[in-house]
Amino acid sequence: MMKNITSKKKENSNIKSWTQIKDDVYGGKGSPRRDQLERDVEAFKIGVMIRQARESKNMTQADLAELISKKRSYISRVENDGSNMNLKTLFDIVEKGLGGKVNIAIEV
């Protein structure tokens, strides 16, 4: 039994947290590569939130695109990579297209 516990501890010592992996691969917080990763993740999350909101309203990408005078392919790109839009378009999608509100927080 003692050997099994020691073996498990040794196995677990090789397990890294997501933060440790990001530090190892992208550098520590504040490094240019890590900052870019964090921005990309936030942009991706925006795209996912837009898709979820659109689907909750039983709208197609074409429906949403028509409401904001964009092409369906543009909505697809936004949902798959939220970094493909400017703030005006974000407000148009959320407010005009989905009938919602945008809340933005800034950390300094």
C-alpha atoms as a PDB file:
ATOM      1  CA  MET A   1       0.000   0.000   0.000  1.00  0.00           C
ATOM      2  CA  MET A   2       2.822   2.446   0.923  1.00  0.00           C
ATOM      3  CA  LYS A   3       4.552   1.759  -2.399  1.00  0.00           C
ATOM      4  CA  ASN A   4       1.328   2.566  -4.274  1.00  0.00           C
ATOM      5  CA  ILE A   5       0.937   5.929  -2.459  1.00  0.00           C
ATOM      6  CA  THR A   6       4.572   6.864  -3.152  1.00  0.00           C
ATOM      7  CA  SER A   7       4.125   5.926  -6.795  1.00  0.00           C
ATOM      8  CA  LYS A   8       0.985   8.110  -7.078  1.00  0.00           C
ATOM      9  CA  LYS A   9       2.775  11.085  -5.499  1.00  0.00           C
ATOM     10  CA  LYS A  10       5.598  10.727  -8.001  1.00  0.00           C
ATOM     11  CA  GLU A  11       3.103  10.564 -10.899  1.00  0.00           C
ATOM     12  CA  ASN A  12       1.264  13.664  -9.638  1.00  0.00           C
ATOM     13  CA  SER A  13       4.495  15.654  -9.310  1.00  0.00           C
ATOM     14  CA  ASN A  14       4.777  15.581 -13.112  1.00  0.00           C
ATOM     15  CA  ILE A  15       1.322  17.100 -13.585  1.00  0.00           C
ATOM     16  CA  LYS A  16       1.346  20.805 -14.424  1.00  0.00           C
ATOM     17  CA  SER A  17      -1.417  23.346 -14.012  1.00  0.00           C
ATOM     18  CA  TRP A  18      -2.714  25.343 -16.976  1.00  0.00           C
ATOM     19  CA  THR A  19      -0.947  28.397 -15.554  1.00  0.00           C
ATOM     20  CA  GLN A  20       2.366  26.521 -15.378  1.00  0.00           C
ATOM     21  CA  ILE A  21       1.956  25.345 -18.961  1.00  0.00           C
ATOM     22  CA  LYS A  22       1.213  28.901 -20.135  1.00  0.00           C
ATOM     23  CA  ASP A  23       4.272  30.158 -18.236  1.00  0.00           C
ATOM     24  CA  ASP A  24       6.483  27.475 -19.800  1.00  0.00           C
ATOM     25  CA  VAL A  25       5.197  27.838 -23.367  1.00  0.00           C
ATOM     26  CA  TYR A  26       4.201  31.515 -23.629  1.00  0.00           C
ATOM     27  CA  GLY A  27       6.236  33.160 -20.880  1.00  0.00           C
ATOM     28  CA  GLY A  28       5.151  34.793 -17.654  1.00  0.00           C
ATOM     29  CA  LYS A  29       2.370  37.340 -17.283  1.00  0.00           C
ATOM     30  CA  GLY A  30       3.367  40.583 -18.922  1.00  0.00           C
ATOM     31  CA  SER A  31       5.519  39.015 -21.621  1.00  0.00           C
ATOM     32  CA  PRO A  32       4.499  39.947 -25.182  1.00  0.00           C
ATOM     33  CA  ARG A  33       3.737  36.377 -26.235  1.00  0.00           C
ATOM     34  CA  ARG A  34       1.658  35.693 -23.105  1.00  0.00           C
ATOM     35  CA  ASP A  35      -0.239  38.981 -23.484  1.00  0.00           C
ATOM     36  CA  GLN A  36      -1.099  38.030 -27.084  1.00  0.00           C
ATOM     37  CA  LEU A  37      -2.351  34.633 -25.922  1.00  0.00           C
ATOM     38  CA  GLU A  38      -4.584  36.278 -23.314  1.00  0.00           C
ATOM     39  CA  ARG A  39      -6.005  38.702 -25.933  1.00  0.00           C
ATOM     40  CA  ASP A  40      -6.652  35.822 -28.337  1.00  0.00           C
ATOM     41  CA  VAL A  41      -8.451  33.845 -25.631  1.00  0.00           C
ATOM     42  CA  GLU A  42     -10.664  36.835 -24.777  1.00  0.00           C
ATOM     43  CA  ALA A  43     -11.481  37.375 -28.468  1.00  0.00           C
ATOM     44  CA  PHE A  44     -12.387  33.702 -28.815  1.00  0.00           C
ATOM     45  CA  LYS A  45     -14.672  33.940 -25.761  1.00  0.00           C
ATOM     46  CA  ILE A  46     -16.487  36.910 -27.325  1.00  0.00           C
ATOM     47  CA  GLY A  47     -17.132  34.857 -30.447  1.00  0.00           C
ATOM     48  CA  VAL A  48     -18.490  31.971 -28.369  1.00  0.00           C
ATOM     49  CA  MET A  49     -20.770  34.328 -26.406  1.00  0.00           C
ATOM     50  CA  ILE A  50     -22.136  35.795 -29.651  1.00  0.00           C
ATOM     51  CA  ARG A  51     -22.825  32.311 -31.043  1.00  0.00           C
ATOM     52  CA  GLN A  52     -24.560  31.234 -27.823  1.00  0.00           C
ATOM     53  CA  ALA A  53     -26.707  34.381 -27.763  1.00  0.00           C
ATOM     54  CA  ARG A  54     -27.658  33.954 -31.432  1.00  0.00           C
ATOM     55  CA  GLU A  55     -28.552  30.299 -30.939  1.00  0.00           C
ATOM     56  CA  SER A  56     -30.589  31.094 -27.810  1.00  0.00           C
ATOM     57  CA  LYS A  57     -32.699  33.396 -29.999  1.00  0.00           C
ATOM     58  CA  ASN A  58     -33.094  30.611 -32.587  1.00  0.00           C
ATOM     59  CA  MET A  59     -31.422  32.772 -35.208  1.00  0.00           C
ATOM     60  CA  THR A  60     -29.232  31.602 -38.057  1.00  0.00           C
ATOM     61  CA  GLN A  61     -26.016  33.353 -38.960  1.00  0.00           C
ATOM     62  CA  ALA A  62     -27.813  34.619 -42.066  1.00  0.00           C
ATOM     63  CA  ASP A  63     -30.614  36.103 -39.921  1.00  0.00           C
ATOM     64  CA  LEU A  64     -28.123  37.973 -37.748  1.00  0.00           C
ATOM     65  CA  ALA A  65     -26.071  39.109 -40.728  1.00  0.00           C
ATOM     66  CA  GLU A  66     -29.150  40.568 -42.411  1.00  0.00           C
ATOM     67  CA  LEU A  67     -30.081  42.563 -39.305  1.00  0.00           C
ATOM     68  CA  ILE A  68     -26.698  44.285 -39.220  1.00  0.00           C
ATOM     69  CA  SER A  69     -26.077  44.496 -42.982  1.00  0.00           C
ATOM     70  CA  LYS A  70     -23.179  42.037 -43.054  1.00  0.00           C
ATOM     71  CA  LYS A  71     -22.586  38.753 -44.862  1.00  0.00           C
ATOM     72  CA  ARG A  72     -23.260  35.399 -43.217  1.00  0.00           C
ATOM     73  CA  SER A  73     -19.605  34.466 -43.721  1.00  0.00           C
ATOM     74  CA  TYR A  74     -18.611  37.515 -41.650  1.00  0.00           C
ATOM     75  CA  ILE A  75     -20.796  36.356 -38.743  1.00  0.00           C
ATOM     76  CA  SER A  76     -19.175  32.927 -39.016  1.00  0.00           C
ATOM     77  CA  ARG A  77     -15.693  34.452 -38.801  1.00  0.00           C
ATOM     78  CA  VAL A  78     -16.694  36.567 -35.794  1.00  0.00           C
ATOM     79  CA  GLU A  79     -18.119  33.545 -33.986  1.00  0.00           C
ATOM     80  CA  ASN A  80     -14.993  31.516 -34.671  1.00  0.00           C
ATOM     81  CA  ASP A  81     -12.497  34.318 -33.958  1.00  0.00           C
ATOM     82  CA  GLY A  82     -13.941  37.330 -32.166  1.00  0.00           C
ATOM     83  CA  SER A  83     -10.883  39.392 -33.026  1.00  0.00           C
ATOM     84  CA  ASN A  84     -12.231  39.916 -36.562  1.00  0.00           C
ATOM     85  CA  MET A  85     -14.384  42.897 -35.592  1.00  0.00           C
ATOM     86  CA  ASN A  86     -14.212  46.428 -34.322  1.00  0.00           C
ATOM     87  CA  LEU A  87     -16.182  47.853 -31.401  1.00  0.00           C
ATOM     88  CA  LYS A  88     -18.876  49.397 -33.606  1.00  0.00           C
ATOM     89  CA  THR A  89     -19.568  45.995 -35.134  1.00  0.00           C
ATOM     90  CA  LEU A  90     -19.650  44.373 -31.687  1.00  0.00           C
ATOM     91  CA  PHE A  91     -22.264  46.895 -30.576  1.00  0.00           C
ATOM     92  CA  ASP A  92     -24.241  46.378 -33.812  1.00  0.00           C
ATOM     93  CA  ILE A  93     -24.241  42.598 -33.405  1.00  0.00           C
ATOM     94  CA  VAL A  94     -25.219  42.633 -29.750  1.00  0.00           C
ATOM     95  CA  GLU A  95     -27.614  45.593 -29.667  1.00  0.00           C
ATOM     96  CA  LYS A  96     -29.163  45.752 -33.147  1.00  0.00           C
ATOM     97  CA  GLY A  97     -28.873  42.102 -34.046  1.00  0.00           C
ATOM     98  CA  LEU A  98     -29.445  40.323 -30.753  1.00  0.00           C
ATOM     99  CA  GLY A  99     -31.315  42.966 -28.739  1.00  0.00           C
ATOM    100  CA  GLY A 100     -28.776  42.865 -25.916  1.00  0.00           C
ATOM    101  CA  LYS A 101     -26.318  45.170 -24.180  1.00  0.00           C
ATOM    102  CA  VAL A 102     -22.534  45.208 -24.231  1.00  0.00           C
ATOM    103  CA  ASN A 103     -20.682  45.610 -20.938  1.00  0.00           C
ATOM    104  CA  ILE A 104     -16.973  46.306 -21.122  1.00  0.00           C
ATOM    105  CA  ALA A 105     -14.560  46.330 -18.209  1.00  0.00           C
ATOM    106  CA  ILE A 106     -11.084  47.828 -18.293  1.00  0.00           C
ATOM    107  CA  GLU A 107      -8.377  46.757 -15.850  1.00  0.00           C
ATOM    108  CA  VAL A 108      -5.308  48.906 -15.250  1.00  0.00           C
END
